[in-house]
Amino acid sequence: MQYQVVQKLIWNCCVINVSMHTNRQNGRRFVLVKLGKYENGQFLCSIILNEYTYEYFLEEMKTKKLHTIERLAIRPNVNVYHILTWDDVDRGKCTRNNIGEVERNKNGIPVVYNQIVIFANVDGMNTGVLRVDDVLAREYIEINSPNVNNAIRFNNRANFLAKQAQKTKQCEELMDSMYDAYKIIDMIIWICPQKIE
């Protein structure tokens, strides 16, 4: 994505929360580090890091170590849609049911942005996932992108319900096969009774 930085401010920040999680798809553990304004702890953004960084960032949170982060106002060369993330949930902008969807207004129409604000480039942290280009690629899609129609059609709630229906079906099939096996064992016992002493 091509863009121009129209404003760059350096804000003081610190780690306001650290938690360990497990990726449901591959079983790998990761650390979720949330950054907030140094003065009042207001949430700014989050970073996903390797599980081995947990103790380090837990100590940073306890000591309220001072960092700086860039608050960037960016004007993309092409208007963009915003893809909702967990950060938007933490900001109170949406619920977890909307993660991965294109942001919409109250009438359900996708919101088009010609200027956006992001947080990137934290000092003193190895934050390869918080580079400007990475944030833009993860959270925004150009309105003329070849994938824009897929992004607009994506409905996280419908996707979640479809996955739940699939899990329920698999569970029912497993229960049916277990019941069939039980009936076979019951029939064998009936045909070949053993004397109980």
Protein backbone atom coordinates (compact mmCIF):
# COMPACT_ATOMS: atom_id res chain seq x y z
CA MET A 1 0.00 0.00 0.00
CA GLN A 2 1.36 3.38 -0.98
CA TYR A 3 0.87 6.18 1.56
CA GLN A 4 2.09 9.49 2.91
CA VAL A 5 2.71 10.24 6.60
CA VAL A 6 0.96 13.57 7.26
CA GLN A 7 1.67 13.72 11.00
CA LYS A 8 4.07 11.91 13.31
CA LEU A 9 3.85 12.29 17.09
CA ILE A 10 5.97 10.49 19.68
CA TRP A 11 3.90 9.36 22.67
CA ASN A 12 5.10 7.91 25.95
CA CYS A 13 3.73 4.42 26.51
CA CYS A 14 4.15 1.37 28.71
CA VAL A 15 3.02 -2.24 28.94
CA ILE A 16 -0.41 -2.28 30.59
CA ASN A 17 -1.19 -6.00 30.27
CA VAL A 18 0.64 -9.24 29.45
CA SER A 19 -1.06 -12.59 28.91
CA MET A 20 -0.13 -16.03 27.57
CA HIS A 21 -2.39 -17.67 24.96
CA THR A 22 -2.47 -20.78 22.79
CA ASN A 23 -3.16 -20.63 19.07
CA ARG A 24 -6.18 -22.86 18.40
CA GLN A 25 -5.03 -23.75 14.91
CA ASN A 26 -1.47 -24.91 15.57
CA GLY A 27 -1.30 -25.29 19.36
CA ARG A 28 1.63 -22.89 19.69
CA ARG A 29 1.75 -20.53 22.63
CA PHE A 30 2.20 -16.78 22.26
CA VAL A 31 2.31 -13.69 24.44
CA LEU A 32 -0.13 -10.83 23.99
CA VAL A 33 1.36 -7.52 25.15
CA LYS A 34 -0.97 -4.53 25.41
CA LEU A 35 0.49 -1.04 25.29
CA GLY A 36 -1.15 2.02 26.79
CA LYS A 37 -0.46 5.69 27.33
CA TYR A 38 2.14 6.11 30.04
CA GLU A 39 0.21 8.86 31.83
CA ASN A 40 -3.16 7.13 32.23
CA GLY A 41 -2.92 3.56 30.85
CA GLN A 42 -5.41 4.23 28.03
CA PHE A 43 -5.15 1.32 25.58
CA LEU A 44 -3.23 2.08 22.37
CA CYS A 45 -2.44 -1.21 20.65
CA SER A 46 -1.31 -4.78 21.19
CA ILE A 47 1.65 -6.85 20.04
CA ILE A 48 1.88 -10.63 19.66
CA LEU A 49 5.27 -12.01 20.63
CA ASN A 50 7.07 -15.30 21.25
CA GLU A 51 6.07 -17.21 24.41
CA TYR A 52 9.59 -16.85 25.83
CA THR A 53 9.11 -13.10 26.25
CA TYR A 54 6.36 -13.51 28.86
CA GLU A 55 8.49 -13.02 32.01
CA TYR A 56 10.37 -10.10 30.48
CA PHE A 57 7.22 -8.14 29.61
CA LEU A 58 5.53 -9.11 32.86
CA GLU A 59 8.43 -7.42 34.67
CA GLU A 60 8.12 -4.39 32.36
CA MET A 61 4.43 -4.14 33.24
CA LYS A 62 5.15 -4.35 36.98
CA THR A 63 7.84 -1.66 36.84
CA LYS A 64 5.89 0.47 34.34
CA LYS A 65 8.98 0.86 32.15
CA LEU A 66 8.77 3.91 29.91
CA HIS A 67 8.74 3.41 26.12
CA THR A 68 7.84 5.62 23.21
CA ILE A 69 5.55 4.81 20.30
CA GLU A 70 4.82 6.68 17.08
CA ARG A 71 1.28 7.89 16.54
CA LEU A 72 1.07 8.30 12.77
CA ALA A 73 -1.60 10.03 10.72
CA ILE A 74 -1.40 8.43 7.30
CA ARG A 75 -3.01 9.35 4.00
CA PRO A 76 -3.11 6.30 1.70
CA ASN A 77 -2.82 6.96 -2.05
CA VAL A 78 -6.08 4.99 -2.47
CA ASN A 79 -9.03 5.09 -0.06
CA VAL A 80 -9.20 2.09 2.27
CA TYR A 81 -11.57 0.00 4.36
CA HIS A 82 -10.63 -0.91 7.94
CA ILE A 83 -10.58 -4.59 8.95
CA LEU A 84 -11.68 -4.92 12.58
CA THR A 85 -9.19 -6.53 14.99
CA TRP A 86 -8.91 -7.42 18.68
CA ASP A 87 -7.49 -3.92 19.19
CA ASP A 88 -10.86 -2.52 18.07
CA VAL A 89 -12.56 -4.74 20.66
CA ASP A 90 -10.24 -3.33 23.35
CA ARG A 91 -11.02 0.20 22.16
CA GLY A 92 -14.77 -0.50 22.45
CA LYS A 93 -15.31 -0.04 18.72
CA CYS A 94 -16.81 -3.51 18.12
CA THR A 95 -17.38 -6.91 19.71
CA ARG A 96 -15.39 -10.09 19.16
CA ASN A 97 -18.17 -11.21 16.79
CA ASN A 98 -16.97 -8.58 14.29
CA ILE A 99 -13.25 -9.39 14.21
CA GLY A 100 -12.02 -9.79 10.64
CA GLU A 101 -14.97 -7.93 9.15
CA VAL A 102 -14.85 -4.61 7.31
CA GLU A 103 -15.88 -1.76 9.62
CA ARG A 104 -19.41 -0.52 8.86
CA ASN A 105 -21.49 2.46 9.88
CA LYS A 106 -24.79 2.13 11.78
CA ASN A 107 -26.61 1.49 8.47
CA GLY A 108 -24.33 -1.43 7.61
CA ILE A 109 -22.42 0.42 4.88
CA PRO A 110 -18.63 -0.10 4.80
CA VAL A 111 -16.75 2.97 6.09
CA VAL A 112 -14.26 4.43 3.59
CA TYR A 113 -11.15 6.15 4.96
CA ASN A 114 -8.91 8.62 3.15
CA GLN A 115 -6.83 9.23 6.27
CA ILE A 116 -6.10 6.88 9.19
CA VAL A 117 -4.24 6.88 12.49
CA ILE A 118 -2.05 3.98 13.55
CA PHE A 119 0.47 3.22 16.28
CA ALA A 120 3.82 1.74 15.27
CA ASN A 121 7.56 1.59 15.94
CA VAL A 122 7.91 1.13 19.70
CA ASP A 123 11.38 1.97 20.97
CA GLY A 124 13.44 -0.67 22.73
CA MET A 125 11.27 -3.61 21.68
CA ASN A 126 11.85 -6.12 18.93
CA THR A 127 8.45 -5.48 17.40
CA GLY A 128 8.67 -6.65 13.82
CA VAL A 129 4.89 -7.08 13.88
CA LEU A 130 4.36 -3.41 14.73
CA ARG A 131 5.97 -1.87 11.67
CA VAL A 132 3.88 0.58 9.65
CA ASP A 133 3.63 -1.64 6.57
CA ASP A 134 2.63 -4.66 8.68
CA VAL A 135 -0.10 -2.73 10.51
CA LEU A 136 -1.48 -1.38 7.24
CA ALA A 137 -1.45 -4.81 5.57
CA ARG A 138 -3.21 -6.45 8.55
CA GLU A 139 -5.81 -3.78 9.33
CA TYR A 140 -6.63 -2.05 6.03
CA ILE A 141 -7.58 -3.01 2.49
CA GLU A 142 -7.60 -0.69 -0.49
CA ILE A 143 -11.03 -0.16 -2.03
CA ASN A 144 -9.66 -1.20 -5.44
CA SER A 145 -7.92 -4.36 -4.15
CA PRO A 146 -8.69 -7.60 -6.03
CA ASN A 147 -9.71 -9.13 -2.65
CA VAL A 148 -11.96 -6.30 -1.52
CA ASN A 149 -15.21 -8.11 -2.37
CA ASN A 150 -14.21 -11.11 -0.25
CA ALA A 151 -13.36 -8.76 2.63
CA ILE A 152 -16.70 -6.96 2.37
CA ARG A 153 -18.67 -10.24 2.24
CA PHE A 154 -16.87 -11.80 5.21
CA ASN A 155 -19.16 -12.13 8.22
CA ASN A 156 -17.37 -13.38 11.33
CA ARG A 157 -20.58 -14.35 13.14
CA ALA A 158 -21.79 -16.44 10.19
CA ASN A 159 -18.33 -17.99 9.89
CA PHE A 160 -18.32 -18.80 13.63
CA LEU A 161 -21.82 -20.36 13.44
CA ALA A 162 -20.81 -22.48 10.43
CA LYS A 163 -17.76 -23.79 12.32
CA GLN A 164 -19.92 -24.53 15.38
CA ALA A 165 -22.44 -26.40 13.21
CA GLN A 166 -19.60 -28.47 11.73
CA LYS A 167 -18.27 -29.31 15.22
CA THR A 168 -21.77 -30.29 16.39
CA LYS A 169 -22.21 -32.53 13.35
CA GLN A 170 -18.86 -34.23 13.99
CA CYS A 171 -19.76 -34.75 17.65
CA GLU A 172 -23.14 -36.26 16.70
CA GLU A 173 -21.47 -38.61 14.21
CA LEU A 174 -19.02 -39.73 16.90
CA MET A 175 -21.85 -40.33 19.37
CA ASP A 176 -23.78 -42.33 16.74
CA SER A 177 -20.76 -44.54 16.04
CA MET A 178 -20.22 -45.07 19.79
CA TYR A 179 -23.89 -46.01 20.21
CA ASP A 180 -23.64 -48.46 17.30
CA ALA A 181 -20.57 -50.06 18.91
CA TYR A 182 -22.46 -50.29 22.21
CA LYS A 183 -25.38 -52.05 20.51
CA ILE A 184 -23.01 -54.58 18.90
CA ILE A 185 -21.34 -55.33 22.26
CA ASP A 186 -24.75 -55.64 23.93
CA MET A 187 -25.87 -58.10 21.22
CA ILE A 188 -22.70 -60.19 21.65
CA ILE A 189 -23.28 -60.40 25.40
CA TRP A 190 -26.92 -61.45 24.80
CA ILE A 191 -25.91 -64.14 22.30
CA CYS A 192 -22.95 -65.43 24.30
CA PRO A 193 -23.91 -65.02 27.98
CA GLN A 194 -21.29 -65.96 30.52
CA LYS A 195 -22.06 -67.64 33.78
CA ILE A 196 -21.52 -65.21 36.64
CA GLU A 197 -20.45 -66.80 39.91
